Amino acid sequence: MIQEIKIQNFLSFKDEATFSFEATKDSFAEEYQVVEVEKGVRLLRLAVVYGANASGKSNLLSAFAFLHSFLFKKNSDLDEPTMVTPFMLDVDTPDQASRFELVFYVGSVKYWYQLVLDSKQIYLEKLSVYHTIRPTMLFCRELENNQSVITFNPNVVMVSQVIKEKISAECLINMSFFAARDKVNVSIPEIDEAKEWLKNQIMQMIGPGTRMFTYAENKIASDDKLKAYLLSVANNADFNISDISTQMIKENIPQDLLKVILESDTISEQDKDRLRKEHSLSKPKTDFIHSVNNERGREQYSMTSESQSRGTRRIFGLEAVLYEVFSRNGFLTIDEIETSLHPDLVEFFIASFLKQKSRSQMIVTTHYDPLLETIGDLLRKDSVWFTEKKESGHTELYSLVEFSGLNRLSSIRKAYRNGNFGALPKVKE
């Protein structure tokens, strides 16, 4: 589970910003929304981020997305950019390094990952573990004479000189240690537990335009348990959907489109070989069985997925992702959760996540402020965060619980709308 992330000089985060999942002493919904990862350390499962358009909400999620993508991207060329984007609204920051720190737990073991880099190279990369209250370094990678120098802690990490040299040879100055380590077939258990968590638990960011139902279709076709879960969701959400039928069909590819696909770098050589032979793509086809009651009694009708509303398709996709999140105790980020969803479905989806006892975590951004009215019924106060863009163009990130007197407010939503917490658009009348 993630405890906190620190971000500096990345997108709209100029100065160091800290986001934390640490829970306050509030006992509301303790059983499902808070996990005690070790004695005295209680982490939240959910965070909801509010802020005006272009205030930096999405950039917070992008920090997690960047780390996950960068950590396991295997470069073969020293000229490949790291794809990090510094704060651009300042004369100095574009030429300065970006900084990230991530504190997370694998089971009850705490890790601290640090990364300093610019668009061309990594200056510092370090992983530490907490066996006591003080961190113990596992590896440290620094830049010396334009080369990556990796140091392992000999008291903790047992790695032969040959393996050290192999990993160092693979570790280009624009590539993460973890990506280089993946190229060397050896077991380093002291490091690999953290590496596997970073690779498998942080899931792809979901944005307003992410094709969620396509993801669900592909999963339903081979997972009957997921199908049963989604039918339960449909029943609870009152969609009148009694069954789902998904099958994979083959569709011929026009010759001109096939040529474009074969010349691209977006698919593997194995898939290209199959396309050359078959000239077709497999795609899912889903039908929904709707049950209705009319003057003739109860009847069922089959309708294509294309005939379903965008909201229906999106909630099916989101719930399919939740099913995956629960199965791996993953970490999920969703930008603008309310996209295409009725307000009741927004609350339904968040409740679906929270009622599942799990070590999974989720951050969502939203403009749907009626959700603030559910504090004390659905949300916890310490789950609410805000982003505000300052006059200098940089993002300030802060938590609702940083404000005093919250218990005296009759409505946190009205207080937010009245500007008590900032994080509102400055519209000129």
Protein backbone atom coordinates (compact mmCIF):
# COMPACT_ATOMS: atom_id res chain seq x y z
CA MET A 1 0.00 0.00 0.00
CA ILE A 2 1.12 3.55 -0.69
CA GLN A 3 1.82 5.77 2.31
CA GLU A 4 2.90 8.94 0.53
CA ILE A 5 4.37 10.47 -2.60
CA LYS A 6 6.48 13.62 -2.91
CA ILE A 7 6.72 15.45 -6.23
CA GLN A 8 8.89 18.39 -7.25
CA ASN A 9 9.41 20.12 -10.60
CA PHE A 10 7.00 17.87 -12.47
CA LEU A 11 4.25 19.27 -14.69
CA SER A 12 2.47 21.94 -12.59
CA PHE A 13 4.22 20.93 -9.34
CA LYS A 14 7.09 23.42 -9.07
CA ASP A 15 7.78 23.24 -5.34
CA GLU A 16 7.76 19.99 -3.39
CA ALA A 17 4.21 18.70 -2.89
CA THR A 18 3.29 15.81 -0.62
CA PHE A 19 0.25 13.58 -0.91
CA SER A 20 -0.38 11.12 1.94
CA PHE A 21 -2.74 8.22 2.56
CA GLU A 22 -2.10 8.34 6.31
CA ALA A 23 -5.34 8.30 8.28
CA THR A 24 -6.21 10.62 11.14
CA LYS A 25 -7.55 9.30 14.44
CA ASP A 26 -11.10 9.55 13.03
CA SER A 27 -12.77 6.16 13.55
CA PHE A 28 -15.50 6.53 10.90
CA ALA A 29 -15.67 3.50 8.55
CA GLU A 30 -12.46 2.21 10.12
CA GLU A 31 -13.14 -1.42 9.25
CA TYR A 32 -13.30 -0.95 5.48
CA GLN A 33 -11.56 2.34 4.70
CA VAL A 34 -8.46 2.07 6.90
CA VAL A 35 -5.75 -0.61 6.91
CA GLU A 36 -3.21 -0.88 9.73
CA VAL A 37 -0.10 -1.97 7.79
CA GLU A 38 2.04 -2.06 10.91
CA LYS A 39 1.55 -1.05 14.53
CA GLY A 40 0.60 2.61 14.63
CA VAL A 41 0.55 3.11 10.85
CA ARG A 42 -2.99 3.38 9.44
CA LEU A 43 -3.45 3.97 5.73
CA LEU A 44 -6.55 5.08 3.86
CA ARG A 45 -7.91 3.18 0.87
CA LEU A 46 -9.52 6.17 -0.86
CA ALA A 47 -8.72 9.79 -1.71
CA VAL A 48 -10.95 12.25 -3.58
CA VAL A 49 -9.29 15.31 -5.11
CA TYR A 50 -11.13 18.57 -5.89
CA GLY A 51 -9.92 21.63 -7.74
CA ALA A 52 -10.64 24.00 -10.60
CA ASN A 53 -9.90 23.06 -14.20
CA ALA A 54 -6.16 23.18 -14.93
CA SER A 55 -5.35 23.34 -11.21
CA GLY A 56 -3.20 20.18 -11.24
CA LYS A 57 -5.61 17.39 -10.20
CA SER A 58 -4.75 15.28 -13.23
CA ASN A 59 -1.05 16.01 -12.78
CA LEU A 60 -1.09 14.35 -9.36
CA LEU A 61 -2.39 11.18 -11.00
CA SER A 62 0.13 11.62 -13.83
CA ALA A 63 2.97 11.44 -11.31
CA PHE A 64 1.98 7.86 -10.44
CA ALA A 65 1.43 7.03 -14.13
CA PHE A 66 4.86 8.42 -15.05
CA LEU A 67 6.64 6.45 -12.34
CA HIS A 68 4.99 3.18 -13.30
CA SER A 69 5.74 3.69 -16.99
CA PHE A 70 9.30 4.89 -16.51
CA LEU A 71 10.40 2.31 -13.94
CA PHE A 72 9.96 -0.60 -16.35
CA LYS A 73 10.63 1.02 -19.75
CA LYS A 74 13.59 -0.76 -21.35
CA ASN A 75 15.57 1.71 -23.47
CA SER A 76 18.08 0.55 -26.05
CA ASP A 77 19.38 3.97 -27.09
CA LEU A 78 21.08 6.60 -24.94
CA ASP A 79 19.28 9.32 -26.90
CA GLU A 80 15.81 8.17 -25.87
CA PRO A 81 14.19 10.78 -23.60
CA THR A 82 13.05 9.81 -20.11
CA MET A 83 9.70 11.52 -20.91
CA VAL A 84 9.69 13.47 -17.63
CA THR A 85 8.19 16.97 -17.97
CA PRO A 86 9.44 19.70 -15.61
CA PHE A 87 7.54 22.83 -14.54
CA MET A 88 7.68 25.07 -17.62
CA LEU A 89 6.33 28.40 -16.28
CA ASP A 90 9.66 29.54 -14.85
CA VAL A 91 13.01 30.49 -16.37
CA ASP A 92 14.97 28.08 -14.13
CA THR A 93 12.91 24.91 -13.65
CA PRO A 94 13.00 23.59 -17.26
CA ASP A 95 16.74 23.03 -16.85
CA GLN A 96 16.47 21.55 -13.37
CA ALA A 97 15.89 17.92 -12.41
CA SER A 98 12.51 16.53 -11.39
CA ARG A 99 12.26 14.71 -8.05
CA PHE A 100 10.01 11.90 -6.83
CA GLU A 101 9.82 10.00 -3.55
CA LEU A 102 7.43 7.11 -2.96
CA VAL A 103 6.90 5.44 0.42
CA PHE A 104 4.97 2.16 0.22
CA TYR A 105 4.35 -1.11 2.03
CA VAL A 106 4.67 -4.63 0.73
CA GLY A 107 2.77 -6.54 3.37
CA SER A 108 4.07 -5.03 6.60
CA VAL A 109 7.49 -4.09 5.14
CA LYS A 110 8.04 -0.39 4.43
CA TYR A 111 10.08 0.83 1.42
CA TRP A 112 11.28 4.27 0.35
CA TYR A 113 12.06 4.88 -3.33
CA GLN A 114 13.79 8.07 -4.53
CA LEU A 115 14.30 9.28 -8.10
CA VAL A 116 15.99 12.42 -9.48
CA LEU A 117 16.13 12.86 -13.25
CA ASP A 118 15.75 15.20 -16.21
CA SER A 119 14.73 14.51 -19.78
CA LYS A 120 18.09 12.92 -20.62
CA GLN A 121 19.45 11.13 -17.58
CA ILE A 122 19.01 9.90 -14.02
CA TYR A 123 21.10 11.60 -11.36
CA LEU A 124 19.94 9.57 -8.37
CA GLU A 125 17.89 6.42 -7.86
CA LYS A 126 17.68 4.78 -4.47
CA LEU A 127 15.66 2.10 -2.70
CA SER A 128 15.65 1.74 1.07
CA VAL A 129 13.82 -0.59 3.45
CA TYR A 130 12.73 -0.01 7.05
CA HIS A 131 13.61 -2.86 9.39
CA THR A 132 13.72 -0.34 12.23
CA ILE A 133 12.60 3.30 12.47
CA ARG A 134 15.60 4.24 10.30
CA PRO A 135 15.87 3.38 6.58
CA THR A 136 18.43 0.86 5.35
CA MET A 137 19.72 1.43 1.84
CA LEU A 138 19.29 -1.56 -0.52
CA PHE A 139 20.79 0.01 -3.64
CA CYS A 140 21.89 3.47 -4.70
CA ARG A 141 22.46 4.46 -8.31
CA GLU A 142 24.27 7.74 -9.06
CA LEU A 143 25.68 9.49 -12.11
CA GLU A 144 29.46 9.75 -12.27
CA ASN A 145 31.39 10.84 -15.36
CA ASN A 146 28.24 10.37 -17.44
CA GLN A 147 27.88 6.76 -16.34
CA SER A 148 25.52 5.04 -13.90
CA VAL A 149 27.30 3.73 -10.82
CA ILE A 150 25.28 1.25 -8.77
CA THR A 151 26.09 0.45 -5.15
CA PHE A 152 24.43 -2.43 -3.28
CA ASN A 153 24.37 -2.64 0.49
CA PRO A 154 26.57 -5.70 1.18
CA ASN A 155 25.04 -6.16 4.64
CA VAL A 156 21.58 -6.74 3.19
CA VAL A 157 21.74 -7.55 -0.53
CA MET A 158 23.68 -10.64 -1.58
CA VAL A 159 24.76 -10.06 -5.19
CA SER A 160 27.86 -11.48 -6.86
CA GLN A 161 30.34 -9.22 -8.64
CA VAL A 162 29.35 -10.79 -11.96
CA ILE A 163 25.68 -9.88 -11.45
CA LYS A 164 26.63 -6.36 -10.35
CA GLU A 165 28.57 -5.89 -13.56
CA LYS A 166 25.74 -7.27 -15.71
CA ILE A 167 23.14 -4.98 -14.17
CA SER A 168 25.49 -1.99 -14.41
CA ALA A 169 26.12 -2.73 -18.08
CA GLU A 170 22.37 -2.79 -18.78
CA CYS A 171 21.63 0.33 -16.73
CA LEU A 172 21.78 3.14 -19.27
CA ILE A 173 21.79 6.69 -17.90
CA ASN A 174 18.23 7.23 -19.21
CA MET A 175 16.78 3.98 -17.85
CA SER A 176 15.59 2.89 -14.42
CA PHE A 177 17.52 0.39 -12.31
CA PHE A 178 14.41 -1.81 -12.21
CA ALA A 179 14.21 -2.00 -16.02
CA ALA A 180 17.90 -2.91 -16.16
CA ARG A 181 17.54 -5.45 -13.37
CA ASP A 182 14.70 -7.13 -15.33
CA LYS A 183 17.14 -7.82 -18.16
CA VAL A 184 19.35 -9.94 -15.91
CA ASN A 185 18.06 -13.41 -15.03
CA VAL A 186 18.88 -13.60 -11.34
CA SER A 187 17.00 -13.54 -8.03
CA ILE A 188 17.54 -10.58 -5.70
CA PRO A 189 14.73 -11.17 -3.16
CA GLU A 190 15.60 -8.17 -0.97
CA ILE A 191 14.90 -5.86 -3.94
CA ASP A 192 12.54 -7.96 -6.04
CA GLU A 193 9.65 -7.84 -3.57
CA ALA A 194 9.53 -4.05 -3.95
CA LYS A 195 10.10 -4.28 -7.70
CA GLU A 196 7.23 -6.71 -8.24
CA TRP A 197 4.90 -4.58 -6.12
CA LEU A 198 5.73 -1.47 -8.17
CA LYS A 199 5.23 -3.39 -11.41
CA ASN A 200 2.00 -5.23 -10.58
CA GLN A 201 0.11 -3.17 -8.02
CA ILE A 202 0.19 0.30 -9.63
CA MET A 203 -2.42 0.12 -12.39
CA GLN A 204 -2.86 2.18 -15.53
CA MET A 205 -4.48 5.59 -15.02
CA ILE A 206 -8.09 5.88 -16.23
CA GLY A 207 -9.02 9.16 -17.92
CA PRO A 208 -12.29 10.60 -19.26
CA GLY A 209 -11.52 9.19 -22.71
CA THR A 210 -10.28 5.73 -21.67
CA ARG A 211 -12.28 3.03 -23.48
CA MET A 212 -13.45 1.24 -20.39
CA PHE A 213 -16.05 -1.05 -21.93
CA THR A 214 -13.52 -2.50 -24.40
CA TYR A 215 -11.43 -3.56 -21.42
CA ALA A 216 -14.49 -5.17 -19.78
CA GLU A 217 -15.49 -7.02 -22.98
CA ASN A 218 -12.07 -8.63 -23.37
CA LYS A 219 -12.08 -9.74 -19.74
CA ILE A 220 -15.67 -11.05 -19.71
CA ALA A 221 -14.96 -13.32 -22.68
CA SER A 222 -12.60 -15.48 -20.59
CA ASP A 223 -13.71 -14.94 -16.98
CA ASP A 224 -17.08 -16.29 -15.81
CA LYS A 225 -16.50 -14.97 -12.28
CA LEU A 226 -16.13 -11.43 -13.65
CA LYS A 227 -19.32 -11.89 -15.63
CA ALA A 228 -21.17 -12.93 -12.46
CA TYR A 229 -19.72 -9.94 -10.61
CA LEU A 230 -20.85 -7.51 -13.34
CA LEU A 231 -24.33 -9.02 -13.44
CA SER A 232 -24.55 -8.43 -9.70
CA VAL A 233 -23.50 -4.81 -10.30
CA ALA A 234 -26.15 -4.45 -13.00
CA ASN A 235 -28.81 -5.79 -10.66
CA ASN A 236 -27.78 -3.47 -7.81
CA ALA A 237 -27.66 -0.48 -10.17
CA ASP A 238 -31.15 -1.26 -11.52
CA PHE A 239 -30.11 -1.56 -15.19
CA ASN A 240 -32.73 -4.27 -16.02
CA ILE A 241 -29.88 -6.37 -17.42
CA SER A 242 -30.30 -10.06 -16.64
CA ASP A 243 -27.47 -11.56 -18.71
CA ILE A 244 -24.39 -10.71 -20.75
CA SER A 245 -23.11 -12.69 -23.74
CA THR A 246 -19.60 -12.01 -25.06
CA GLN A 247 -17.88 -13.92 -27.83
CA MET A 248 -14.73 -13.30 -29.85
CA ILE A 249 -15.31 -12.81 -33.57
CA LYS A 250 -12.82 -12.45 -36.43
CA GLU A 251 -12.90 -9.38 -38.62
CA ASN A 252 -10.97 -9.10 -41.89
CA ILE A 253 -8.52 -6.19 -42.16
CA PRO A 254 -8.43 -4.14 -45.40
CA GLN A 255 -5.08 -4.42 -47.17
CA ASP A 256 -4.20 -0.72 -46.83
CA LEU A 257 -4.92 -0.77 -43.08
CA LEU A 258 -2.98 -4.02 -42.67
CA LYS A 259 0.07 -2.38 -44.25
CA VAL A 260 -0.11 0.53 -41.78
CA ILE A 261 -0.41 -1.84 -38.81
CA LEU A 262 2.53 -3.99 -39.95
CA GLU A 263 4.74 -0.90 -40.35
CA SER A 264 3.93 0.44 -36.87
CA ASP A 265 5.79 -0.23 -33.62
CA THR A 266 2.64 -0.62 -31.53
CA ILE A 267 2.34 -4.43 -31.74
CA SER A 268 4.81 -7.26 -31.25
CA GLU A 269 6.55 -9.17 -34.03
CA GLN A 270 4.61 -12.28 -32.98
CA ASP A 271 1.30 -10.47 -33.57
CA LYS A 272 2.58 -9.13 -36.89
CA ASP A 273 3.43 -12.67 -38.05
CA ARG A 274 -0.10 -13.79 -37.17
CA LEU A 275 -1.65 -10.86 -39.04
CA ARG A 276 0.41 -11.66 -42.15
CA LYS A 277 -1.00 -15.18 -42.14
CA GLU A 278 -4.62 -14.55 -41.10
CA HIS A 279 -5.32 -10.97 -42.33
CA SER A 280 -7.85 -10.64 -39.50
CA LEU A 281 -8.30 -9.37 -35.98
CA SER A 282 -10.20 -10.97 -33.13
CA LYS A 283 -12.58 -8.59 -31.39
CA PRO A 284 -15.23 -9.07 -28.72
CA LYS A 285 -18.94 -8.84 -29.50
CA THR A 286 -21.22 -8.35 -26.50
CA ASP A 287 -25.00 -8.56 -26.24
CA PHE A 288 -27.04 -7.54 -23.21
CA ILE A 289 -30.21 -9.37 -22.22
CA HIS A 290 -32.75 -6.87 -20.85
CA SER A 291 -35.69 -8.02 -18.77
CA VAL A 292 -38.87 -5.93 -18.86
CA ASN A 293 -42.33 -6.19 -17.35
CA ASN A 294 -45.27 -5.16 -19.55
CA GLU A 295 -48.90 -6.09 -20.24
CA ARG A 296 -47.77 -9.52 -21.48
CA GLY A 297 -45.78 -10.21 -18.33
CA ARG A 298 -42.00 -10.53 -18.02
CA GLU A 299 -40.09 -10.59 -21.33
CA GLN A 300 -36.43 -10.60 -22.34
CA TYR A 301 -34.80 -8.79 -25.26
CA SER A 302 -31.24 -8.98 -26.59
CA MET A 303 -29.52 -5.68 -27.41
CA THR A 304 -26.02 -4.93 -28.67
CA SER A 305 -23.44 -3.18 -26.52
CA GLU A 306 -23.54 -0.22 -28.92
CA SER A 307 -27.19 0.37 -28.02
CA GLN A 308 -26.36 0.79 -24.32
CA SER A 309 -25.91 4.26 -22.85
CA ARG A 310 -22.40 5.65 -22.38
CA GLY A 311 -23.00 5.60 -18.64
CA THR A 312 -23.95 1.92 -18.66
CA ARG A 313 -20.91 1.03 -20.73
CA ARG A 314 -18.60 3.10 -18.54
CA ILE A 315 -19.83 1.72 -15.22
CA PHE A 316 -19.39 -1.82 -16.57
CA GLY A 317 -15.83 -0.95 -17.55
CA LEU A 318 -15.04 0.71 -14.24
CA GLU A 319 -16.46 -2.17 -12.25
CA ALA A 320 -14.43 -4.63 -14.34
CA VAL A 321 -11.32 -2.69 -13.34
CA LEU A 322 -12.41 -2.76 -9.68
CA TYR A 323 -12.70 -6.54 -9.93
CA GLU A 324 -9.07 -6.61 -11.08
CA VAL A 325 -8.00 -4.13 -8.40
CA PHE A 326 -9.50 -6.32 -5.67
CA SER A 327 -7.87 -9.47 -7.06
CA ARG A 328 -4.38 -8.01 -6.84
CA ASN A 329 -4.81 -5.47 -4.01
CA GLY A 330 -3.88 -2.86 -6.57
CA PHE A 331 -3.60 0.92 -6.67
CA LEU A 332 -5.94 2.71 -9.11
CA THR A 333 -6.20 6.33 -10.27
CA ILE A 334 -9.28 7.72 -12.07
CA ASP A 335 -9.41 11.21 -13.54
CA GLU A 336 -12.84 12.88 -13.54
CA ILE A 337 -14.74 9.94 -12.07
CA GLU A 338 -18.09 11.56 -12.91
CA THR A 339 -17.55 11.32 -16.70
CA SER A 340 -20.77 9.97 -18.32
CA LEU A 341 -22.12 8.86 -14.94
CA HIS A 342 -25.27 9.95 -13.13
CA PRO A 343 -24.40 11.35 -9.65
CA ASP A 344 -26.02 8.31 -8.02
CA LEU A 345 -23.71 6.04 -10.04
CA VAL A 346 -20.66 8.01 -8.91
CA GLU A 347 -21.60 7.33 -5.30
CA PHE A 348 -22.56 3.74 -6.16
CA PHE A 349 -19.13 3.12 -7.71
CA ILE A 350 -17.21 4.62 -4.78
CA ALA A 351 -19.36 2.62 -2.35
CA SER A 352 -18.62 -0.54 -4.40
CA PHE A 353 -14.94 0.08 -3.84
CA LEU A 354 -15.15 0.98 -0.17
CA LYS A 355 -17.44 -1.83 0.98
CA GLN A 356 -14.91 -4.44 -0.20
CA LYS A 357 -12.52 -5.18 2.64
CA SER A 358 -9.14 -5.05 0.94
CA ARG A 359 -5.67 -3.51 0.82
CA SER A 360 -6.50 -1.92 -2.53
CA GLN A 361 -6.30 1.88 -2.85
CA MET A 362 -7.79 4.46 -5.19
CA ILE A 363 -7.45 8.17 -5.95
CA VAL A 364 -10.17 9.87 -7.98
CA THR A 365 -10.41 13.47 -9.16
CA THR A 366 -13.82 15.09 -9.54
CA HIS A 367 -15.82 18.29 -9.92
CA TYR A 368 -18.87 16.61 -8.37
CA ASP A 369 -19.07 18.54 -5.10
CA PRO A 370 -22.36 16.98 -3.81
CA LEU A 371 -20.11 14.07 -2.88
CA LEU A 372 -18.86 16.28 -0.05
CA GLU A 373 -22.33 15.97 1.50
CA THR A 374 -21.60 12.27 2.06
CA ILE A 375 -18.77 12.96 4.52
CA GLY A 376 -19.67 11.00 7.61
CA ASP A 377 -21.93 8.65 5.62
CA LEU A 378 -19.64 7.52 2.79
CA LEU A 379 -16.46 9.61 2.76
CA ARG A 380 -14.03 10.38 5.58
CA LYS A 381 -12.75 13.94 6.07
CA ASP A 382 -9.14 12.79 5.68
CA SER A 383 -9.97 11.31 2.27
CA VAL A 384 -10.59 14.76 0.72
CA TRP A 385 -7.80 16.74 -0.95
CA PHE A 386 -7.61 19.94 -2.99
CA THR A 387 -5.43 21.40 -5.73
CA GLU A 388 -5.16 25.12 -6.36
CA LYS A 389 -3.20 26.87 -9.09
CA LYS A 390 -1.36 29.92 -7.74
CA GLU A 391 -0.63 33.13 -9.65
CA SER A 392 2.83 31.83 -10.52
CA GLY A 393 1.17 28.90 -12.31
CA HIS A 394 2.28 26.20 -9.87
CA THR A 395 -0.02 23.75 -8.07
CA GLU A 396 -0.56 23.78 -4.33
CA LEU A 397 -1.79 20.46 -2.91
CA TYR A 398 -3.43 20.23 0.50
CA SER A 399 -5.87 18.16 2.57
CA LEU A 400 -9.28 19.07 3.98
CA VAL A 401 -8.12 18.12 7.49
CA GLU A 402 -5.55 20.92 7.41
CA PHE A 403 -8.45 23.30 8.09
CA SER A 404 -9.69 23.85 11.63
CA GLY A 405 -13.30 24.02 12.74
CA LEU A 406 -14.62 21.38 10.33
CA ASN A 407 -16.92 19.87 12.95
CA ARG A 408 -18.65 23.23 13.42
CA LEU A 409 -19.62 23.47 9.73
CA SER A 410 -23.22 22.60 8.88
CA SER A 411 -22.19 21.66 5.34
CA ILE A 412 -18.66 21.06 4.04
CA ARG A 413 -20.00 21.27 0.49
CA LYS A 414 -21.44 24.77 1.09
CA ALA A 415 -18.21 25.82 2.76
CA TYR A 416 -16.30 24.64 -0.31
CA ARG A 417 -18.68 26.46 -2.67
CA ASN A 418 -18.27 29.59 -0.55
CA GLY A 419 -14.50 29.47 -1.05
CA ASN A 420 -13.52 28.42 2.49
CA PHE A 421 -11.06 25.83 1.15
CA GLY A 422 -9.97 27.53 -2.08
CA ALA A 423 -9.56 25.17 -5.06
CA LEU A 424 -12.32 26.93 -7.05
CA PRO A 425 -12.13 28.58 -10.48
CA LYS A 426 -11.62 32.35 -10.27
CA VAL A 427 -14.41 33.35 -12.67
CA LYS A 428 -14.64 37.07 -13.38
CA GLU A 429 -18.17 38.45 -13.35
